[in-house]
């Protein structure tokens, strides 16, 4: 059981490290192309009103 707990703790630490690094990359804009991809996919902008307008027009 101790061995499994150690493995799980290592996985948690690695996941946290990757999360911290990815947050820093986005915060400091180290890869501008990555930001452009997020904008293109619509992740960073709120498109909720456009969706509502589309639904209202179809009814």
N, C-alpha and C. Protein backbone atom coordinates (compact mmCIF):
# COMPACT_ATOMS: atom_id res chain seq x y z
N UNK A 1 0.82 -1.19 0.00
CA UNK A 1 0.00 0.00 0.00
C UNK A 1 0.87 1.26 0.00
N UNK A 2 1.98 1.22 0.74
CA UNK A 2 2.88 2.37 0.80
C UNK A 2 3.45 2.68 -0.59
N UNK A 3 3.74 1.63 -1.35
CA UNK A 3 4.31 1.82 -2.68
C UNK A 3 3.32 2.54 -3.60
N UNK A 4 2.06 2.16 -3.52
CA UNK A 4 1.01 2.79 -4.33
C UNK A 4 0.84 4.25 -3.92
N UNK A 5 0.87 4.51 -2.62
CA UNK A 5 0.74 5.89 -2.14
C UNK A 5 1.89 6.76 -2.64
N UNK A 6 3.10 6.21 -2.64
CA UNK A 6 4.25 6.97 -3.14
C UNK A 6 4.10 7.28 -4.64
N UNK A 7 3.61 6.31 -5.38
CA UNK A 7 3.41 6.51 -6.82
C UNK A 7 2.35 7.58 -7.06
N UNK A 8 1.26 7.52 -6.32
CA UNK A 8 0.19 8.51 -6.46
C UNK A 8 0.70 9.90 -6.10
N UNK A 9 1.48 10.01 -5.04
CA UNK A 9 2.02 11.32 -4.64
C UNK A 9 2.96 11.87 -5.72
N UNK A 10 3.76 11.01 -6.33
CA UNK A 10 4.64 11.45 -7.40
C UNK A 10 3.84 11.95 -8.60
N UNK A 11 2.77 11.25 -8.93
CA UNK A 11 1.91 11.66 -10.04
C UNK A 11 1.28 13.01 -9.74
N UNK A 12 0.81 13.20 -8.51
CA UNK A 12 0.20 14.48 -8.12
C UNK A 12 1.21 15.62 -8.22
N UNK A 13 2.42 15.39 -7.76
CA UNK A 13 3.45 16.43 -7.82
C UNK A 13 3.80 16.76 -9.27
N UNK A 14 3.91 15.74 -10.11
CA UNK A 14 4.22 15.98 -11.53
C UNK A 14 3.08 16.74 -12.20
N UNK A 15 1.84 16.38 -11.91
CA UNK A 15 0.69 17.09 -12.48
C UNK A 15 0.68 18.55 -12.05
N UNK A 16 0.96 18.81 -10.78
CA UNK A 16 1.00 20.18 -10.29
C UNK A 16 2.11 20.97 -10.96
N UNK A 17 3.26 20.34 -11.17
CA UNK A 17 4.37 21.02 -11.83
C UNK A 17 4.00 21.39 -13.27
N UNK A 18 3.38 20.47 -13.99
CA UNK A 18 2.96 20.77 -15.36
C UNK A 18 1.89 21.86 -15.38
N UNK A 19 0.98 21.84 -14.43
CA UNK A 19 -0.04 22.89 -14.35
C UNK A 19 0.60 24.24 -14.12
N UNK A 20 1.54 24.32 -13.18
CA UNK A 20 2.21 25.59 -12.88
C UNK A 20 2.98 26.10 -14.10
N UNK A 21 3.69 25.22 -14.78
CA UNK A 21 4.46 25.63 -15.96
C UNK A 21 3.53 26.12 -17.07
N UNK A 22 2.44 25.42 -17.31
CA UNK A 22 1.52 25.84 -18.37
C UNK A 22 0.84 27.16 -18.03
N UNK A 23 0.52 27.38 -16.76
CA UNK A 23 -0.06 28.66 -16.36
C UNK A 23 0.94 29.80 -16.56
N UNK A 24 2.20 29.56 -16.24
CA UNK A 24 3.23 30.58 -16.45
C UNK A 24 3.43 30.88 -17.93
N UNK A 25 3.39 29.85 -18.76
CA UNK A 25 3.53 30.04 -20.21
C UNK A 25 2.42 30.93 -20.73
N UNK A 26 1.19 30.69 -20.30
CA UNK A 26 0.07 31.51 -20.77
C UNK A 26 0.10 32.90 -20.16
N UNK A 27 0.49 33.01 -18.90
CA UNK A 27 0.49 34.31 -18.23
C UNK A 27 1.55 35.24 -18.81
N UNK A 28 2.74 34.72 -19.06
CA UNK A 28 3.84 35.53 -19.58
C UNK A 28 3.87 35.57 -21.10
N UNK A 29 2.94 34.90 -21.75
CA UNK A 29 2.83 34.88 -23.22
C UNK A 29 4.15 34.47 -23.87
N UNK A 30 4.70 33.35 -23.42
CA UNK A 30 5.98 32.88 -23.94
C UNK A 30 5.86 32.31 -25.35
N UNK A 31 4.70 31.78 -25.68
CA UNK A 31 4.47 31.25 -27.02
C UNK A 31 3.28 31.97 -27.63
N UNK A 32 3.50 33.06 -28.36
CA UNK A 32 2.39 33.83 -28.92
C UNK A 32 1.51 33.00 -29.85
N UNK A 33 2.09 32.05 -30.55
CA UNK A 33 1.31 31.21 -31.47
C UNK A 33 0.28 30.39 -30.70
N UNK A 34 0.62 29.98 -29.49
CA UNK A 34 -0.31 29.21 -28.67
C UNK A 34 -1.52 30.07 -28.29
N UNK A 35 -1.29 31.35 -28.02
CA UNK A 35 -2.39 32.26 -27.70
C UNK A 35 -3.29 32.44 -28.92
N UNK A 36 -2.68 32.55 -30.10
CA UNK A 36 -3.47 32.69 -31.32
C UNK A 36 -4.34 31.46 -31.55
N UNK A 37 -3.81 30.28 -31.27
CA UNK A 37 -4.60 29.05 -31.42
C UNK A 37 -5.77 29.04 -30.45
N UNK A 38 -5.55 29.49 -29.22
CA UNK A 38 -6.63 29.53 -28.24
C UNK A 38 -7.71 30.51 -28.68
N UNK A 39 -7.31 31.64 -29.24
CA UNK A 39 -8.29 32.60 -29.75
C UNK A 39 -9.05 32.02 -30.93
N UNK A 40 -8.35 31.34 -31.82
CA UNK A 40 -8.97 30.75 -33.00
C UNK A 40 -10.01 29.71 -32.60
N UNK A 41 -9.71 28.94 -31.58
CA UNK A 41 -10.63 27.90 -31.12
C UNK A 41 -11.77 28.48 -30.30
N UNK A 42 -11.68 29.74 -29.91
CA UNK A 42 -12.74 30.37 -29.14
C UNK A 42 -12.68 30.09 -27.66
N UNK A 43 -11.52 29.69 -27.17
CA UNK A 43 -11.39 29.35 -25.76
C UNK A 43 -11.36 30.60 -24.90
N UNK A 44 -10.68 31.64 -25.37
CA UNK A 44 -10.46 32.82 -24.53
C UNK A 44 -11.57 33.85 -24.64
N UNK A 45 -12.45 33.71 -25.59
CA UNK A 45 -13.52 34.70 -25.77
C UNK A 45 -14.87 34.08 -25.43
N UNK A 46 -15.77 34.93 -25.01
CA UNK A 46 -17.11 34.46 -24.66
C UNK A 46 -18.00 34.56 -25.89
N UNK A 47 -18.44 33.44 -26.40
CA UNK A 47 -19.31 33.40 -27.57
C UNK A 47 -20.74 33.06 -27.18
N UNK A 48 -21.07 33.23 -25.91
CA UNK A 48 -22.37 32.81 -25.41
C UNK A 48 -23.50 33.61 -26.04
N UNK A 49 -23.33 34.92 -26.20
CA UNK A 49 -24.41 35.75 -26.75
C UNK A 49 -24.68 35.39 -28.21
N UNK A 50 -23.65 35.08 -28.97
CA UNK A 50 -23.86 34.70 -30.37
C UNK A 50 -24.65 33.40 -30.46
N UNK A 51 -24.39 32.48 -29.56
CA UNK A 51 -25.13 31.22 -29.55
C UNK A 51 -26.59 31.48 -29.24
N UNK A 52 -26.85 32.33 -28.25
CA UNK A 52 -28.23 32.66 -27.91
C UNK A 52 -28.94 33.33 -29.08
N UNK A 53 -28.27 34.24 -29.75
CA UNK A 53 -28.88 34.91 -30.90
C UNK A 53 -29.21 33.90 -31.99
N UNK A 54 -28.35 32.94 -32.21
CA UNK A 54 -28.60 31.92 -33.23
C UNK A 54 -29.82 31.08 -32.86
N UNK A 55 -29.93 30.69 -31.59
CA UNK A 55 -31.08 29.91 -31.17
C UNK A 55 -32.37 30.71 -31.30
N UNK A 56 -32.33 31.97 -30.97
CA UNK A 56 -33.53 32.79 -31.04
C UNK A 56 -33.97 33.00 -32.48
N UNK A 57 -33.05 33.08 -33.42
CA UNK A 57 -33.41 33.28 -34.82
C UNK A 57 -34.03 32.03 -35.42
N UNK A 58 -33.66 30.86 -34.93
CA UNK A 58 -34.18 29.62 -35.50
C UNK A 58 -35.59 29.30 -35.03
N UNK A 59 -36.04 29.89 -33.95
CA UNK A 59 -37.38 29.57 -33.42
C UNK A 59 -38.46 30.28 -34.13
